[in-house]
């Protein structure tokens, strides 16, 4: 190998290492951002589940307090 080719190979190796390190850093940042979004969405899901449970509890209480009435088209009136 000539001196120029050794220099070129060294340069390419350094350049390649820097590119890989930069790419790894970018990937770490993206993974960190995705983890943050996952935790935020988990908190939103927990809040939505609690809200849904509360709504279902309220609907159940309302239906229980007024009784259940079904409309019968065959009889053309409500059935208690």
C-alpha atoms as a PDB file:
ATOM      1  CA  UNK A   1       0.000   0.000   0.000  1.00  0.00           C
ATOM      2  CA  UNK A   2       1.171   3.455  -0.735  1.00  0.00           C
ATOM      3  CA  UNK A   3       1.144   6.286   1.762  1.00  0.00           C
ATOM      4  CA  UNK A   4      -1.845   7.886   0.072  1.00  0.00           C
ATOM      5  CA  UNK A   5      -3.951   4.759   0.236  1.00  0.00           C
ATOM      6  CA  UNK A   6      -3.113   4.262   3.943  1.00  0.00           C
ATOM      7  CA  UNK A   7      -4.104   7.865   4.602  1.00  0.00           C
ATOM      8  CA  UNK A   8      -7.284   7.409   2.585  1.00  0.00           C
ATOM      9  CA  UNK A   9      -8.168   4.209   4.442  1.00  0.00           C
ATOM     10  CA  UNK A  10      -7.566   5.888   7.816  1.00  0.00           C
ATOM     11  CA  UNK A  11      -9.728   8.838   6.780  1.00  0.00           C
ATOM     12  CA  UNK A  12     -12.511   6.542   5.584  1.00  0.00           C
ATOM     13  CA  UNK A  13     -12.371   4.522   8.809  1.00  0.00           C
ATOM     14  CA  UNK A  14     -12.591   7.676  10.950  1.00  0.00           C
ATOM     15  CA  UNK A  15     -15.356   9.109   8.772  1.00  0.00           C
ATOM     16  CA  UNK A  16     -17.266   5.810   8.937  1.00  0.00           C
ATOM     17  CA  UNK A  17     -16.907   5.650  12.737  1.00  0.00           C
ATOM     18  CA  UNK A  18     -18.187   9.227  13.076  1.00  0.00           C
ATOM     19  CA  UNK A  19     -21.157   8.472  10.830  1.00  0.00           C
ATOM     20  CA  UNK A  20     -22.039   5.380  12.868  1.00  0.00           C
ATOM     21  CA  UNK A  21     -21.755   7.274  16.128  1.00  0.00           C
ATOM     22  CA  UNK A  22     -23.949  10.073  14.779  1.00  0.00           C
ATOM     23  CA  UNK A  23     -26.506   7.540  13.556  1.00  0.00           C
ATOM     24  CA  UNK A  24     -26.487   5.768  16.929  1.00  0.00           C
ATOM     25  CA  UNK A  25     -27.045   9.060  18.732  1.00  0.00           C
ATOM     26  CA  UNK A  26     -29.948   9.885  16.419  1.00  0.00           C
ATOM     27  CA  UNK A  27     -31.481   6.474  17.093  1.00  0.00           C
ATOM     28  CA  UNK A  28     -31.080   6.920  20.858  1.00  0.00           C
ATOM     29  CA  UNK A  29     -32.875  10.278  20.641  1.00  0.00           C
ATOM     30  CA  UNK A  30     -35.707   8.780  18.587  1.00  0.00           C
ATOM     31  CA  UNK A  31     -36.119   5.879  21.013  1.00  0.00           C
ATOM     32  CA  UNK A  32     -36.161   8.324  23.923  1.00  0.00           C
ATOM     33  CA  UNK A  33     -38.865  10.388  22.210  1.00  0.00           C
ATOM     34  CA  UNK A  34     -40.918   7.263  21.536  1.00  0.00           C
ATOM     35  CA  UNK A  35     -40.608   6.118  25.153  1.00  0.00           C
ATOM     36  CA  UNK A  36     -41.842   9.523  26.303  1.00  0.00           C
ATOM     37  CA  UNK A  37     -44.872   9.260  23.995  1.00  0.00           C
ATOM     38  CA  UNK A  38     -45.636   5.747  25.240  1.00  0.00           C
ATOM     39  CA  UNK A  39     -45.674   6.921  28.863  1.00  0.00           C
ATOM     40  CA  UNK A  40     -47.868   9.911  27.968  1.00  0.00           C
ATOM     41  CA  UNK A  41     -50.307   7.659  26.106  1.00  0.00           C
ATOM     42  CA  UNK A  42     -50.321   5.177  28.990  1.00  0.00           C
ATOM     43  CA  UNK A  43     -51.360   7.994  31.333  1.00  0.00           C
ATOM     44  CA  UNK A  44     -54.077   9.088  28.895  1.00  0.00           C
ATOM     45  CA  UNK A  45     -55.382   5.516  28.631  1.00  0.00           C
ATOM     46  CA  UNK A  46     -55.512   5.183  32.427  1.00  0.00           C
ATOM     47  CA  UNK A  47     -57.464   8.447  32.626  1.00  0.00           C
ATOM     48  CA  UNK A  48     -59.874   7.343  29.894  1.00  0.00           C
ATOM     49  CA  UNK A  49     -60.448   3.992  31.601  1.00  0.00           C
ATOM     50  CA  UNK A  50     -61.235   5.714  34.897  1.00  0.00           C
ATOM     51  CA  UNK A  51     -63.607   8.113  33.148  1.00  0.00           C
ATOM     52  CA  UNK A  52     -65.338   5.262  31.329  1.00  0.00           C
ATOM     53  CA  UNK A  53     -65.749   3.324  34.566  1.00  0.00           C
ATOM     54  CA  UNK A  54     -67.312   6.410  36.185  1.00  0.00           C
ATOM     55  CA  UNK A  55     -69.715   6.908  33.259  1.00  0.00           C
ATOM     56  CA  UNK A  56     -70.757   3.258  33.324  1.00  0.00           C
ATOM     57  CA  UNK A  57     -71.338   3.469  37.072  1.00  0.00           C
ATOM     58  CA  UNK A  58     -73.533   6.540  36.600  1.00  0.00           C
ATOM     59  CA  UNK A  59     -75.527   4.927  33.776  1.00  0.00           C
ATOM     60  CA  UNK A  60     -76.056   1.827  35.892  1.00  0.00           C
ATOM     61  CA  UNK A  61     -77.270   3.966  38.798  1.00  0.00           C
ATOM     62  CA  UNK A  62     -79.649   5.917  36.548  1.00  0.00           C
ATOM     63  CA  UNK A  63     -81.079   2.778  35.001  1.00  0.00           C
ATOM     64  CA  UNK A  64     -81.474   1.150  38.413  1.00  0.00           C
ATOM     65  CA  UNK A  65     -83.238   4.162  39.932  1.00  0.00           C
ATOM     66  CA  UNK A  66     -85.923   4.501  37.266  1.00  0.00           C
ATOM     67  CA  UNK A  67     -86.517   0.860  36.456  1.00  0.00           C
ATOM     68  CA  UNK A  68     -86.172  -0.761  33.094  1.00  0.00           C
ATOM     69  CA  UNK A  69     -88.750  -0.005  30.447  1.00  0.00           C
ATOM     70  CA  UNK A  70     -88.807  -1.781  27.131  1.00  0.00           C
ATOM     71  CA  UNK A  71     -90.911  -0.742  24.176  1.00  0.00           C
ATOM     72  CA  UNK A  72     -92.770  -3.596  22.502  1.00  0.00           C
ATOM     73  CA  UNK A  73     -93.802  -2.768  18.951  1.00  0.00           C
ATOM     74  CA  UNK A  74     -95.963  -5.891  18.947  1.00  0.00           C
ATOM     75  CA  UNK A  75     -98.019  -4.682  21.927  1.00  0.00           C
ATOM     76  CA  UNK A  76     -97.523  -1.018  20.948  1.00  0.00           C
ATOM     77  CA  UNK A  77     -96.625   0.098  24.487  1.00  0.00           C
ATOM     78  CA  UNK A  78     -93.880   0.010  27.075  1.00  0.00           C
ATOM     79  CA  UNK A  79     -93.325  -3.062  29.263  1.00  0.00           C
ATOM     80  CA  UNK A  80     -92.104  -2.609  32.817  1.00  0.00           C
END
